Amino acid sequence: MSAENIYVEPLSGMPQIIIEYNRPLIAQYNLSVADVNRVVNTAFAGQMAGLMFEEEKRFDLVVRIADTEKKNLQDVQSLLIPTPSGIQIPLEKLANVSIKEGPNQIQRENAQRRIIVGFNVKNRDVESVVNELHKKVDKNMKFLPGYFITYGGSFENLNKAKTRLSIAVPLAFALIFILLYFAFKSVRQGLLIFTAVPLSAIGGILFLSLRGMPFSVSAGVGFIALFGISVLNGIVLISEFNHLRKGGLKDIKHIVLTGTKTRLRPVLMTATVAALGFFPMAVSTGAGAEVQRPLATVVIGGLAVSTFLTLGILPILYIWVETWYAKKSKKGILADDSL
């Protein structure tokens, strides 16, 4: 595991003055712990002793020991505690006053104490690092009852984002197909254009692998954008094919060759403009580059591969599907053009 800047939030390390009361001795002087606490609190924290008015302004008068008189342990030990009998007894006679290492900060979550171990990941993806860490912890560390480990930070955000993506991606697929159906009024041609989605995914995955980037949330968002652009190229081709068929052309191969030649420049222009727009993000090195690079890499790689696959494979699929549909229609098996 490659990590740097590892730190552990300490539970101890802050020197504190600890007062441990001798309760039987306090009772012998007709005092209570509350009486002693009140004197200690007044001496060091201060206690309101009255009010002072200045026109409409009101100020509290607070009594406490001067800062110069509470600089060391002896000042606390020699603090005089008044008793009901009128004598004053040093605090060290009623309690054990000492300096000990105490908690610097105690953090709680859901009413439970927690300690944070943090590290930055370098040249690795967060998920694989946490999975490796989880295996090593389970193998080499045994915890007492009541102790457990949770993995938060970027890993927790990643899991939440993956959950949202598991909803967003299928929803995007469904919306794309619905729009395709309304555009062509045909399930058959909608599915035909939808083949651009796996074709574009090939390029996105390939370029992520070539650049050594793991799949991330930003890469997932890039795939959604890539699918939309790739489907747009498919719409341009299929719309032209349908337009030529309505114009009177009958030979399916001639339709495909003519339509592909006519729409070659628009398809290339659409893919090139989108890829060039994402290129600065793909090579960025500044703040936020770890988010921008995977997204841009997916879009550029997917467009570079899917454009040529769409121009080569989609026309062939169109010939096969339309030829098959025409044969079935002649046999009377399929008569509804909405299929």
C-alpha atoms as a PDB file:
ATOM      1  CA  MET A   1       0.000   0.000   0.000  1.00  0.00           C
ATOM      2  CA  SER A   2       1.408   3.339  -1.048  1.00  0.00           C
ATOM      3  CA  ALA A   3       0.379   6.076   1.336  1.00  0.00           C
ATOM      4  CA  GLU A   4       1.933   9.170   2.798  1.00  0.00           C
ATOM      5  CA  ASN A   5       1.220  11.773   5.493  1.00  0.00           C
ATOM      6  CA  ILE A   6      -0.122   9.193   7.932  1.00  0.00           C
ATOM      7  CA  TYR A   7      -1.273  10.685  11.204  1.00  0.00           C
ATOM      8  CA  VAL A   8      -3.070   9.445  14.281  1.00  0.00           C
ATOM      9  CA  GLU A   9      -5.250  11.785  16.266  1.00  0.00           C
ATOM     10  CA  PRO A  10      -3.905  11.391  19.812  1.00  0.00           C
ATOM     11  CA  LEU A  11      -5.989  10.484  22.797  1.00  0.00           C
ATOM     12  CA  SER A  12      -3.374  11.770  25.231  1.00  0.00           C
ATOM     13  CA  GLY A  13      -0.525  14.188  25.358  1.00  0.00           C
ATOM     14  CA  MET A  14      -2.024  17.266  27.040  1.00  0.00           C
ATOM     15  CA  PRO A  15      -0.679  17.930  30.577  1.00  0.00           C
ATOM     16  CA  GLN A  16      -3.533  18.549  33.017  1.00  0.00           C
ATOM     17  CA  ILE A  17      -3.813  19.352  36.699  1.00  0.00           C
ATOM     18  CA  ILE A  18      -5.737  16.560  38.395  1.00  0.00           C
ATOM     19  CA  ILE A  19      -7.363  17.091  41.811  1.00  0.00           C
ATOM     20  CA  GLU A  20      -8.234  13.846  43.629  1.00  0.00           C
ATOM     21  CA  TYR A  21     -10.281  14.660  46.718  1.00  0.00           C
ATOM     22  CA  ASN A  22      -9.816  12.948  50.063  1.00  0.00           C
ATOM     23  CA  ARG A  23     -13.495  12.716  50.920  1.00  0.00           C
ATOM     24  CA  PRO A  24     -13.177  11.425  54.536  1.00  0.00           C
ATOM     25  CA  LEU A  25     -10.771  14.268  55.386  1.00  0.00           C
ATOM     26  CA  ILE A  26     -13.047  16.843  53.740  1.00  0.00           C
ATOM     27  CA  ALA A  27     -15.951  15.571  55.830  1.00  0.00           C
ATOM     28  CA  GLN A  28     -13.910  15.977  59.031  1.00  0.00           C
ATOM     29  CA  TYR A  29     -13.797  19.727  58.391  1.00  0.00           C
ATOM     30  CA  ASN A  30     -17.571  19.845  57.789  1.00  0.00           C
ATOM     31  CA  LEU A  31     -16.996  20.512  54.092  1.00  0.00           C
ATOM     32  CA  SER A  32     -18.375  18.897  50.976  1.00  0.00           C
ATOM     33  CA  VAL A  33     -16.820  18.299  47.585  1.00  0.00           C
ATOM     34  CA  ALA A  34     -19.187  20.923  46.172  1.00  0.00           C
ATOM     35  CA  ASP A  35     -17.801  23.512  48.637  1.00  0.00           C
ATOM     36  CA  VAL A  36     -14.225  22.788  47.552  1.00  0.00           C
ATOM     37  CA  ASN A  37     -15.180  22.781  43.880  1.00  0.00           C
ATOM     38  CA  ARG A  38     -16.838  26.137  44.275  1.00  0.00           C
ATOM     39  CA  VAL A  39     -13.649  27.677  45.666  1.00  0.00           C
ATOM     40  CA  VAL A  40     -11.471  26.107  42.959  1.00  0.00           C
ATOM     41  CA  ASN A  41     -13.854  27.213  40.226  1.00  0.00           C
ATOM     42  CA  THR A  42     -13.981  30.761  41.626  1.00  0.00           C
ATOM     43  CA  ALA A  43     -10.201  30.957  41.879  1.00  0.00           C
ATOM     44  CA  PHE A  44      -9.356  29.765  38.402  1.00  0.00           C
ATOM     45  CA  ALA A  45     -12.455  30.179  36.226  1.00  0.00           C
ATOM     46  CA  GLY A  46     -14.017  33.082  38.046  1.00  0.00           C
ATOM     47  CA  GLN A  47     -17.424  33.625  39.555  1.00  0.00           C
ATOM     48  CA  MET A  48     -19.832  36.527  39.288  1.00  0.00           C
ATOM     49  CA  ALA A  49     -19.844  38.655  42.432  1.00  0.00           C
ATOM     50  CA  GLY A  50     -22.082  41.512  41.364  1.00  0.00           C
ATOM     51  CA  LEU A  51     -23.112  43.921  38.621  1.00  0.00           C
ATOM     52  CA  MET A  52     -21.795  47.275  37.491  1.00  0.00           C
ATOM     53  CA  PHE A  53     -23.933  49.734  35.566  1.00  0.00           C
ATOM     54  CA  GLU A  54     -22.668  52.362  33.173  1.00  0.00           C
ATOM     55  CA  GLU A  55     -25.686  54.310  31.907  1.00  0.00           C
ATOM     56  CA  GLU A  56     -27.721  51.664  30.042  1.00  0.00           C
ATOM     57  CA  LYS A  57     -24.873  49.180  29.897  1.00  0.00           C
ATOM     58  CA  ARG A  58     -24.536  46.388  32.436  1.00  0.00           C
ATOM     59  CA  PHE A  59     -21.356  44.491  33.238  1.00  0.00           C
ATOM     60  CA  ASP A  60     -20.756  41.416  35.429  1.00  0.00           C
ATOM     61  CA  LEU A  61     -18.156  41.683  38.184  1.00  0.00           C
ATOM     62  CA  VAL A  62     -16.116  38.466  38.206  1.00  0.00           C
ATOM     63  CA  VAL A  63     -13.821  37.464  41.057  1.00  0.00           C
ATOM     64  CA  ARG A  64     -10.832  35.196  40.394  1.00  0.00           C
ATOM     65  CA  ILE A  65      -7.136  34.847  41.149  1.00  0.00           C
ATOM     66  CA  ALA A  66      -4.748  36.928  39.074  1.00  0.00           C
ATOM     67  CA  ASP A  67      -2.957  35.095  36.287  1.00  0.00           C
ATOM     68  CA  THR A  68       0.398  35.648  37.965  1.00  0.00           C
ATOM     69  CA  GLU A  69      -0.799  33.651  40.997  1.00  0.00           C
ATOM     70  CA  LYS A  70      -1.737  30.459  39.105  1.00  0.00           C
ATOM     71  CA  LYS A  71       1.236  29.656  36.944  1.00  0.00           C
ATOM     72  CA  ASN A  72       2.471  26.443  38.537  1.00  0.00           C
ATOM     73  CA  LEU A  73       1.371  23.413  40.527  1.00  0.00           C
ATOM     74  CA  GLN A  74       2.305  24.955  43.861  1.00  0.00           C
ATOM     75  CA  ASP A  75      -0.177  27.800  43.321  1.00  0.00           C
ATOM     76  CA  VAL A  76      -2.975  25.278  43.027  1.00  0.00           C
ATOM     77  CA  GLN A  77      -1.773  23.228  45.982  1.00  0.00           C
ATOM     78  CA  SER A  78      -1.574  26.294  48.240  1.00  0.00           C
ATOM     79  CA  LEU A  79      -5.068  27.519  47.392  1.00  0.00           C
ATOM     80  CA  LEU A  80      -6.801  28.230  50.727  1.00  0.00           C
ATOM     81  CA  ILE A  81     -10.169  26.610  51.345  1.00  0.00           C
ATOM     82  CA  PRO A  82     -12.350  28.318  54.046  1.00  0.00           C
ATOM     83  CA  THR A  83     -14.109  26.063  56.538  1.00  0.00           C
ATOM     84  CA  PRO A  84     -17.269  26.640  58.627  1.00  0.00           C
ATOM     85  CA  SER A  85     -15.073  27.002  61.738  1.00  0.00           C
ATOM     86  CA  GLY A  86     -13.318  30.031  60.224  1.00  0.00           C
ATOM     87  CA  ILE A  87      -9.918  28.502  59.492  1.00  0.00           C
ATOM     88  CA  GLN A  88      -8.451  28.177  56.022  1.00  0.00           C
ATOM     89  CA  ILE A  89      -6.841  24.960  54.863  1.00  0.00           C
ATOM     90  CA  PRO A  90      -4.530  24.571  51.827  1.00  0.00           C
ATOM     91  CA  LEU A  91      -6.048  22.496  49.059  1.00  0.00           C
ATOM     92  CA  GLU A  92      -3.132  20.021  49.206  1.00  0.00           C
ATOM     93  CA  LYS A  93      -4.301  19.023  52.701  1.00  0.00           C
ATOM     94  CA  LEU A  94      -7.727  18.018  51.382  1.00  0.00           C
ATOM     95  CA  ALA A  95      -6.768  16.520  48.021  1.00  0.00           C
ATOM     96  CA  ASN A  96      -3.938  15.077  46.007  1.00  0.00           C
ATOM     97  CA  VAL A  97      -3.016  17.689  43.397  1.00  0.00           C
ATOM     98  CA  SER A  98      -0.772  16.481  40.572  1.00  0.00           C
ATOM     99  CA  ILE A  99       0.009  16.953  36.899  1.00  0.00           C
ATOM    100  CA  LYS A 100      -0.824  14.063  34.600  1.00  0.00           C
ATOM    101  CA  GLU A 101      -1.042  13.416  30.895  1.00  0.00           C
ATOM    102  CA  GLY A 102      -4.700  13.664  29.969  1.00  0.00           C
ATOM    103  CA  PRO A 103      -6.742  13.506  26.780  1.00  0.00           C
ATOM    104  CA  ASN A 104      -5.937  16.273  24.350  1.00  0.00           C
ATOM    105  CA  GLN A 105      -9.361  15.939  22.776  1.00  0.00           C
ATOM    106  CA  ILE A 106     -12.063  13.329  23.064  1.00  0.00           C
ATOM    107  CA  GLN A 107     -14.277  13.044  20.022  1.00  0.00           C
ATOM    108  CA  ARG A 108     -17.564  11.222  20.033  1.00  0.00           C
ATOM    109  CA  GLU A 109     -19.909  10.026  17.348  1.00  0.00           C
ATOM    110  CA  ASN A 110     -23.272   8.456  18.159  1.00  0.00           C
ATOM    111  CA  ALA A 111     -22.363   8.669  21.855  1.00  0.00           C
ATOM    112  CA  GLN A 112     -19.221   6.579  21.276  1.00  0.00           C
ATOM    113  CA  ARG A 113     -15.593   7.636  21.543  1.00  0.00           C
ATOM    114  CA  ARG A 114     -13.555   7.522  18.381  1.00  0.00           C
ATOM    115  CA  ILE A 115      -9.960   7.910  17.282  1.00  0.00           C
ATOM    116  CA  ILE A 116      -9.083   8.857  13.700  1.00  0.00           C
ATOM    117  CA  VAL A 117      -6.237   7.343  11.706  1.00  0.00           C
ATOM    118  CA  GLY A 118      -5.798   9.286   8.471  1.00  0.00           C
ATOM    119  CA  PHE A 119      -3.571   8.909   5.429  1.00  0.00           C
ATOM    120  CA  ASN A 120      -3.293  10.177   1.868  1.00  0.00           C
ATOM    121  CA  VAL A 121      -3.254   7.682  -0.984  1.00  0.00           C
ATOM    122  CA  LYS A 122      -0.646   8.060  -3.736  1.00  0.00           C
ATOM    123  CA  ASN A 123      -0.577   6.233  -7.084  1.00  0.00           C
ATOM    124  CA  ARG A 124      -3.445   3.976  -6.001  1.00  0.00           C
ATOM    125  CA  ASP A 125      -7.216   4.130  -6.051  1.00  0.00           C
ATOM    126  CA  VAL A 126      -8.933   4.528  -2.708  1.00  0.00           C
ATOM    127  CA  GLU A 127     -11.107   1.422  -2.972  1.00  0.00           C
ATOM    128  CA  SER A 128      -8.253  -1.036  -3.558  1.00  0.00           C
ATOM    129  CA  VAL A 129      -6.230   0.536  -0.732  1.00  0.00           C
ATOM    130  CA  VAL A 130      -9.126   0.203   1.720  1.00  0.00           C
ATOM    131  CA  ASN A 131      -9.821  -3.380   0.624  1.00  0.00           C
ATOM    132  CA  GLU A 132      -6.164  -4.290   1.176  1.00  0.00           C
ATOM    133  CA  LEU A 133      -6.143  -2.496   4.521  1.00  0.00           C
ATOM    134  CA  HIS A 134      -9.333  -4.280   5.555  1.00  0.00           C
ATOM    135  CA  LYS A 135      -7.774  -7.696   4.875  1.00  0.00           C
ATOM    136  CA  LYS A 136      -4.595  -6.863   6.810  1.00  0.00           C
ATOM    137  CA  VAL A 137      -6.539  -5.495   9.775  1.00  0.00           C
ATOM    138  CA  ASP A 138      -8.752  -8.581   9.962  1.00  0.00           C
ATOM    139  CA  LYS A 139      -5.687 -10.821   9.795  1.00  0.00           C
ATOM    140  CA  ASN A 140      -3.275  -9.049  12.132  1.00  0.00           C
ATOM    141  CA  MET A 141      -5.378  -7.048  14.618  1.00  0.00           C
ATOM    142  CA  LYS A 142      -7.699  -8.318  17.314  1.00  0.00           C
ATOM    143  CA  PHE A 143      -9.947  -5.856  19.122  1.00  0.00           C
ATOM    144  CA  LEU A 144     -11.519  -6.050  22.548  1.00  0.00           C
ATOM    145  CA  PRO A 145     -15.319  -6.191  22.742  1.00  0.00           C
ATOM    146  CA  GLY A 146     -16.804  -2.788  21.982  1.00  0.00           C
ATOM    147  CA  TYR A 147     -14.037  -1.710  19.589  1.00  0.00           C
ATOM    148  CA  PHE A 148     -14.565  -1.676  15.842  1.00  0.00           C
ATOM    149  CA  ILE A 149     -13.250   0.019  12.699  1.00  0.00           C
ATOM    150  CA  THR A 150     -15.168   2.019  10.123  1.00  0.00           C
ATOM    151  CA  TYR A 151     -13.687   3.431   6.927  1.00  0.00           C
ATOM    152  CA  GLY A 152     -14.747   6.975   6.141  1.00  0.00           C
ATOM    153  CA  GLY A 153     -13.441   9.972   4.259  1.00  0.00           C
ATOM    154  CA  SER A 154     -13.020   9.548   0.512  1.00  0.00           C
ATOM    155  CA  PHE A 155     -13.934   5.859   0.723  1.00  0.00           C
ATOM    156  CA  GLU A 156     -17.244   6.625   2.384  1.00  0.00           C
ATOM    157  CA  ASN A 157     -17.974   9.312  -0.204  1.00  0.00           C
ATOM    158  CA  LEU A 158     -17.073   6.829  -2.943  1.00  0.00           C
ATOM    159  CA  ASN A 159     -19.578   4.271  -1.682  1.00  0.00           C
ATOM    160  CA  LYS A 160     -22.315   6.893  -1.470  1.00  0.00           C
ATOM    161  CA  ALA A 161     -21.527   8.105  -4.973  1.00  0.00           C
ATOM    162  CA  LYS A 162     -21.532   4.525  -6.322  1.00  0.00           C
ATOM    163  CA  THR A 163     -24.968   4.042  -4.818  1.00  0.00           C
ATOM    164  CA  ARG A 164     -26.210   7.157  -6.573  1.00  0.00           C
ATOM    165  CA  LEU A 165     -24.576   6.051  -9.832  1.00  0.00           C
ATOM    166  CA  SER A 166     -26.304   2.664  -9.595  1.00  0.00           C
ATOM    167  CA  ILE A 167     -29.540   4.632  -9.870  1.00  0.00           C
ATOM    168  CA  ALA A 168     -28.408   7.353 -12.276  1.00  0.00           C
ATOM    169  CA  VAL A 169     -26.893   5.082 -14.946  1.00  0.00           C
ATOM    170  CA  PRO A 170     -29.923   2.786 -15.452  1.00  0.00           C
ATOM    171  CA  LEU A 171     -32.151   5.856 -15.372  1.00  0.00           C
ATOM    172  CA  ALA A 172     -30.001   7.489 -18.060  1.00  0.00           C
ATOM    173  CA  PHE A 173     -30.235   4.333 -20.192  1.00  0.00           C
ATOM    174  CA  ALA A 174     -34.007   4.271 -19.822  1.00  0.00           C
ATOM    175  CA  LEU A 175     -34.377   7.940 -20.727  1.00  0.00           C
ATOM    176  CA  ILE A 176     -32.117   7.550 -23.768  1.00  0.00           C
ATOM    177  CA  PHE A 177     -34.167   4.614 -25.054  1.00  0.00           C
ATOM    178  CA  ILE A 178     -37.468   6.408 -24.414  1.00  0.00           C
ATOM    179  CA  LEU A 179     -36.266   9.442 -26.363  1.00  0.00           C
ATOM    180  CA  LEU A 180     -35.076   7.196 -29.184  1.00  0.00           C
ATOM    181  CA  TYR A 181     -38.461   5.514 -29.338  1.00  0.00           C
ATOM    182  CA  PHE A 182     -40.307   8.818 -29.524  1.00  0.00           C
ATOM    183  CA  ALA A 183     -37.860  10.063 -32.173  1.00  0.00           C
ATOM    184  CA  PHE A 184     -38.239   7.058 -34.521  1.00  0.00           C
ATOM    185  CA  LYS A 185     -41.509   5.506 -33.349  1.00  0.00           C
ATOM    186  CA  SER A 186     -39.775   2.136 -33.610  1.00  0.00           C
ATOM    187  CA  VAL A 187     -38.421  -0.196 -30.948  1.00  0.00           C
ATOM    188  CA  ARG A 188     -36.323  -1.895 -33.606  1.00  0.00           C
ATOM    189  CA  GLN A 189     -34.440   1.214 -34.665  1.00  0.00           C
ATOM    190  CA  GLY A 190     -34.245   2.442 -31.070  1.00  0.00           C
ATOM    191  CA  LEU A 191     -32.408  -0.735 -30.087  1.00  0.00           C
ATOM    192  CA  LEU A 192     -30.263  -0.420 -33.196  1.00  0.00           C
ATOM    193  CA  ILE A 193     -29.083   3.043 -32.229  1.00  0.00           C
ATOM    194  CA  PHE A 194     -28.677   1.910 -28.621  1.00  0.00           C
ATOM    195  CA  THR A 195     -25.821  -0.348 -29.782  1.00  0.00           C
ATOM    196  CA  ALA A 196     -23.696   2.818 -29.760  1.00  0.00           C
ATOM    197  CA  VAL A 197     -23.646   2.584 -25.960  1.00  0.00           C
ATOM    198  CA  PRO A 198     -21.538  -0.621 -25.650  1.00  0.00           C
ATOM    199  CA  LEU A 199     -19.423   0.474 -28.628  1.00  0.00           C
ATOM    200  CA  SER A 200     -18.537   3.726 -26.893  1.00  0.00           C
ATOM    201  CA  ALA A 201     -17.949   1.959 -23.575  1.00  0.00           C
ATOM    202  CA  ILE A 202     -15.195  -0.080 -25.244  1.00  0.00           C
ATOM    203  CA  GLY A 203     -13.215   3.071 -26.008  1.00  0.00           C
ATOM    204  CA  GLY A 204     -13.732   4.567 -22.562  1.00  0.00           C
ATOM    205  CA  ILE A 205     -12.544   1.440 -20.778  1.00  0.00           C
ATOM    206  CA  LEU A 206      -9.607   1.050 -23.174  1.00  0.00           C
ATOM    207  CA  PHE A 207      -8.312   4.589 -22.654  1.00  0.00           C
ATOM    208  CA  LEU A 208      -8.728   4.361 -18.869  1.00  0.00           C
ATOM    209  CA  SER A 209      -6.609   1.212 -18.957  1.00  0.00           C
ATOM    210  CA  LEU A 210      -3.973   2.795 -21.197  1.00  0.00           C
ATOM    211  CA  ARG A 211      -3.600   5.748 -18.823  1.00  0.00           C
ATOM    212  CA  GLY A 212      -3.545   3.498 -15.765  1.00  0.00           C
ATOM    213  CA  MET A 213      -6.625   5.081 -14.212  1.00  0.00           C
ATOM    214  CA  PRO A 214      -9.083   3.101 -12.077  1.00  0.00           C
ATOM    215  CA  PHE A 215     -12.815   3.416 -12.468  1.00  0.00           C
ATOM    216  CA  SER A 216     -14.068   6.268 -10.322  1.00  0.00           C
ATOM    217  CA  VAL A 217     -17.200   8.309  -9.811  1.00  0.00           C
ATOM    218  CA  SER A 218     -15.986  11.006 -12.199  1.00  0.00           C
ATOM    219  CA  ALA A 219     -15.290   8.292 -14.792  1.00  0.00           C
ATOM    220  CA  GLY A 220     -18.854   7.049 -14.326  1.00  0.00           C
ATOM    221  CA  VAL A 221     -20.175  10.545 -14.991  1.00  0.00           C
ATOM    222  CA  GLY A 222     -17.957  10.640 -18.081  1.00  0.00           C
ATOM    223  CA  PHE A 223     -19.553   7.421 -19.342  1.00  0.00           C
ATOM    224  CA  ILE A 224     -23.018   8.953 -19.029  1.00  0.00           C
ATOM    225  CA  ALA A 225     -21.924  11.970 -21.090  1.00  0.00           C
ATOM    226  CA  LEU A 226     -20.199   9.678 -23.590  1.00  0.00           C
ATOM    227  CA  PHE A 227     -23.323   7.580 -24.102  1.00  0.00           C
ATOM    228  CA  GLY A 228     -25.353  10.652 -24.934  1.00  0.00           C
ATOM    229  CA  ILE A 229     -22.889  11.901 -27.567  1.00  0.00           C
ATOM    230  CA  SER A 230     -22.486   8.430 -29.089  1.00  0.00           C
ATOM    231  CA  VAL A 231     -26.231   7.953 -29.373  1.00  0.00           C
ATOM    232  CA  LEU A 232     -26.437  11.337 -31.091  1.00  0.00           C
ATOM    233  CA  ASN A 233     -24.081  10.081 -33.819  1.00  0.00           C
ATOM    234  CA  GLY A 234     -26.263   7.011 -34.264  1.00  0.00           C
ATOM    235  CA  ILE A 235     -29.343   9.207 -34.597  1.00  0.00           C
ATOM    236  CA  VAL A 236     -27.635  11.245 -37.326  1.00  0.00           C
ATOM    237  CA  LEU A 237     -26.884   8.098 -39.368  1.00  0.00           C
ATOM    238  CA  ILE A 238     -30.200   6.283 -38.924  1.00  0.00           C
ATOM    239  CA  SER A 239     -32.188   9.474 -39.618  1.00  0.00           C
ATOM    240  CA  GLU A 240     -30.334   9.880 -42.908  1.00  0.00           C
ATOM    241  CA  PHE A 241     -30.940   6.252 -43.835  1.00  0.00           C
ATOM    242  CA  ASN A 242     -34.665   6.634 -43.165  1.00  0.00           C
ATOM    243  CA  HIS A 243     -34.761   9.901 -45.107  1.00  0.00           C
ATOM    244  CA  LEU A 244     -33.219   8.216 -48.155  1.00  0.00           C
ATOM    245  CA  ARG A 245     -35.702   5.342 -47.946  1.00  0.00           C
ATOM    246  CA  LYS A 246     -38.611   7.766 -47.868  1.00  0.00           C
ATOM    247  CA  GLY A 247     -37.018   9.559 -50.831  1.00  0.00           C
ATOM    248  CA  GLY A 248     -37.529   6.506 -53.000  1.00  0.00           C
ATOM    249  CA  LEU A 249     -34.309   4.498 -52.711  1.00  0.00           C
ATOM    250  CA  LYS A 250     -34.953   0.778 -52.416  1.00  0.00           C
ATOM    251  CA  ASP A 251     -31.538  -0.891 -52.374  1.00  0.00           C
ATOM    252  CA  ILE A 252     -30.590  -1.130 -48.694  1.00  0.00           C
ATOM    253  CA  LYS A 253     -26.859  -1.279 -49.406  1.00  0.00           C
ATOM    254  CA  HIS A 254     -27.028   1.784 -51.639  1.00  0.00           C
ATOM    255  CA  ILE A 255     -28.968   3.596 -48.906  1.00  0.00           C
ATOM    256  CA  VAL A 256     -26.326   2.791 -46.319  1.00  0.00           C
ATOM    257  CA  LEU A 257     -23.390   3.776 -48.544  1.00  0.00           C
ATOM    258  CA  THR A 258     -25.018   7.030 -49.603  1.00  0.00           C
ATOM    259  CA  GLY A 259     -26.202   7.937 -46.094  1.00  0.00           C
ATOM    260  CA  THR A 260     -22.854   7.155 -44.456  1.00  0.00           C
ATOM    261  CA  LYS A 261     -21.014   9.210 -47.068  1.00  0.00           C
ATOM    262  CA  THR A 262     -23.430  12.119 -46.626  1.00  0.00           C
ATOM    263  CA  ARG A 263     -23.289  12.116 -42.829  1.00  0.00           C
ATOM    264  CA  LEU A 264     -19.596  11.302 -42.435  1.00  0.00           C
ATOM    265  CA  ARG A 265     -18.597  14.936 -41.917  1.00  0.00           C
ATOM    266  CA  PRO A 266     -21.351  15.762 -39.326  1.00  0.00           C
ATOM    267  CA  VAL A 267     -20.547  12.632 -37.336  1.00  0.00           C
ATOM    268  CA  LEU A 268     -16.815  13.360 -37.319  1.00  0.00           C
ATOM    269  CA  MET A 269     -17.473  17.025 -36.482  1.00  0.00           C
ATOM    270  CA  THR A 270     -19.696  16.134 -33.528  1.00  0.00           C
ATOM    271  CA  ALA A 271     -17.153  13.731 -32.058  1.00  0.00           C
ATOM    272  CA  THR A 272     -14.143  15.989 -32.743  1.00  0.00           C
ATOM    273  CA  VAL A 273     -15.668  19.108 -31.186  1.00  0.00           C
ATOM    274  CA  ALA A 274     -16.689  17.211 -28.036  1.00  0.00           C
ATOM    275  CA  ALA A 275     -13.274  15.517 -27.739  1.00  0.00           C
ATOM    276  CA  LEU A 276     -11.372  18.793 -28.194  1.00  0.00           C
ATOM    277  CA  GLY A 277     -13.560  20.426 -25.563  1.00  0.00           C
ATOM    278  CA  PHE A 278     -12.547  17.782 -23.009  1.00  0.00           C
ATOM    279  CA  PHE A 279      -8.861  17.687 -23.985  1.00  0.00           C
ATOM    280  CA  PRO A 280      -7.693  20.421 -21.520  1.00  0.00           C
ATOM    281  CA  MET A 281      -9.324  18.466 -18.699  1.00  0.00           C
ATOM    282  CA  ALA A 282      -7.599  15.249 -19.801  1.00  0.00           C
ATOM    283  CA  VAL A 283      -4.114  16.799 -19.479  1.00  0.00           C
ATOM    284  CA  SER A 284      -4.795  19.070 -16.484  1.00  0.00           C
ATOM    285  CA  THR A 285      -2.421  18.928 -13.516  1.00  0.00           C
ATOM    286  CA  GLY A 286      -3.830  21.636 -11.255  1.00  0.00           C
ATOM    287  CA  ALA A 287      -6.387  21.561  -8.464  1.00  0.00           C
ATOM    288  CA  GLY A 288      -9.183  19.093  -9.181  1.00  0.00           C
ATOM    289  CA  ALA A 289      -7.182  17.259 -11.859  1.00  0.00           C
ATOM    290  CA  GLU A 290      -7.806  13.897 -10.173  1.00  0.00           C
ATOM    291  CA  VAL A 291     -11.521  14.426 -10.852  1.00  0.00           C
ATOM    292  CA  GLN A 292     -11.229  15.984 -14.316  1.00  0.00           C
ATOM    293  CA  ARG A 293      -8.774  13.543 -15.907  1.00  0.00           C
ATOM    294  CA  PRO A 294     -10.847  10.319 -15.603  1.00  0.00           C
ATOM    295  CA  LEU A 295     -13.989  12.061 -16.867  1.00  0.00           C
ATOM    296  CA  ALA A 296     -12.242  13.603 -19.880  1.00  0.00           C
ATOM    297  CA  THR A 297     -10.301  10.406 -20.639  1.00  0.00           C
ATOM    298  CA  VAL A 298     -13.518   8.388 -20.815  1.00  0.00           C
ATOM    299  CA  VAL A 299     -15.217  10.890 -23.125  1.00  0.00           C
ATOM    300  CA  ILE A 300     -12.236  11.354 -25.471  1.00  0.00           C
ATOM    301  CA  GLY A 301     -11.368   7.654 -25.630  1.00  0.00           C
ATOM    302  CA  GLY A 302     -14.961   6.595 -26.030  1.00  0.00           C
ATOM    303  CA  LEU A 303     -15.596   9.077 -28.843  1.00  0.00           C
ATOM    304  CA  ALA A 304     -12.370   8.176 -30.647  1.00  0.00           C
ATOM    305  CA  VAL A 305     -13.281   4.485 -30.739  1.00  0.00           C
ATOM    306  CA  SER A 306     -17.081   4.670 -30.962  1.00  0.00           C
ATOM    307  CA  THR A 307     -17.058   7.111 -33.885  1.00  0.00           C
ATOM    308  CA  PHE A 308     -15.232   4.674 -36.132  1.00  0.00           C
ATOM    309  CA  LEU A 309     -17.097   1.667 -34.751  1.00  0.00           C
ATOM    310  CA  THR A 310     -20.403   3.479 -35.296  1.00  0.00           C
ATOM    311  CA  LEU A 311     -19.483   4.385 -38.869  1.00  0.00           C
ATOM    312  CA  GLY A 312     -18.364   0.805 -39.556  1.00  0.00           C
ATOM    313  CA  ILE A 313     -20.617  -1.438 -37.469  1.00  0.00           C
ATOM    314  CA  LEU A 314     -23.900   0.480 -37.251  1.00  0.00           C
ATOM    315  CA  PRO A 315     -24.450   0.522 -41.053  1.00  0.00           C
ATOM    316  CA  ILE A 316     -23.796  -3.237 -41.183  1.00  0.00           C
ATOM    317  CA  LEU A 317     -26.256  -3.838 -38.351  1.00  0.00           C
ATOM    318  CA  TYR A 318     -28.767  -1.619 -40.121  1.00  0.00           C
ATOM    319  CA  ILE A 319     -28.493  -3.744 -43.285  1.00  0.00           C
ATOM    320  CA  TRP A 320     -28.906  -6.991 -41.350  1.00  0.00           C
ATOM    321  CA  VAL A 321     -31.832  -5.791 -39.218  1.00  0.00           C
ATOM    322  CA  GLU A 322     -33.747  -4.148 -42.068  1.00  0.00           C
ATOM    323  CA  THR A 323     -33.178  -7.115 -44.389  1.00  0.00           C
ATOM    324  CA  TRP A 324     -34.367  -9.511 -41.694  1.00  0.00           C
ATOM    325  CA  TYR A 325     -37.377  -7.304 -40.955  1.00  0.00           C
ATOM    326  CA  ALA A 326     -38.302  -7.079 -44.637  1.00  0.00           C
ATOM    327  CA  LYS A 327     -38.184 -10.864 -45.019  1.00  0.00           C
ATOM    328  CA  LYS A 328     -40.306 -11.409 -41.917  1.00  0.00           C
ATOM    329  CA  SER A 329     -42.814  -8.798 -43.062  1.00  0.00           C
ATOM    330  CA  LYS A 330     -43.238 -10.521 -46.417  1.00  0.00           C
ATOM    331  CA  LYS A 331     -43.984 -13.778 -44.623  1.00  0.00           C
ATOM    332  CA  GLY A 332     -46.632 -12.012 -42.560  1.00  0.00           C
ATOM    333  CA  ILE A 333     -44.895 -12.664 -39.260  1.00  0.00           C
ATOM    334  CA  LEU A 334     -44.181  -9.010 -38.564  1.00  0.00           C
ATOM    335  CA  ALA A 335     -46.547  -6.410 -39.840  1.00  0.00           C
ATOM    336  CA  ASP A 336     -46.262  -3.722 -37.169  1.00  0.00           C
ATOM    337  CA  ASP A 337     -43.574  -1.144 -38.013  1.00  0.00           C
ATOM    338  CA  SER A 338     -43.351  -0.154 -34.343  1.00  0.00           C
ATOM    339  CA  LEU A 339     -41.290  -3.266 -33.625  1.00  0.00           C
END
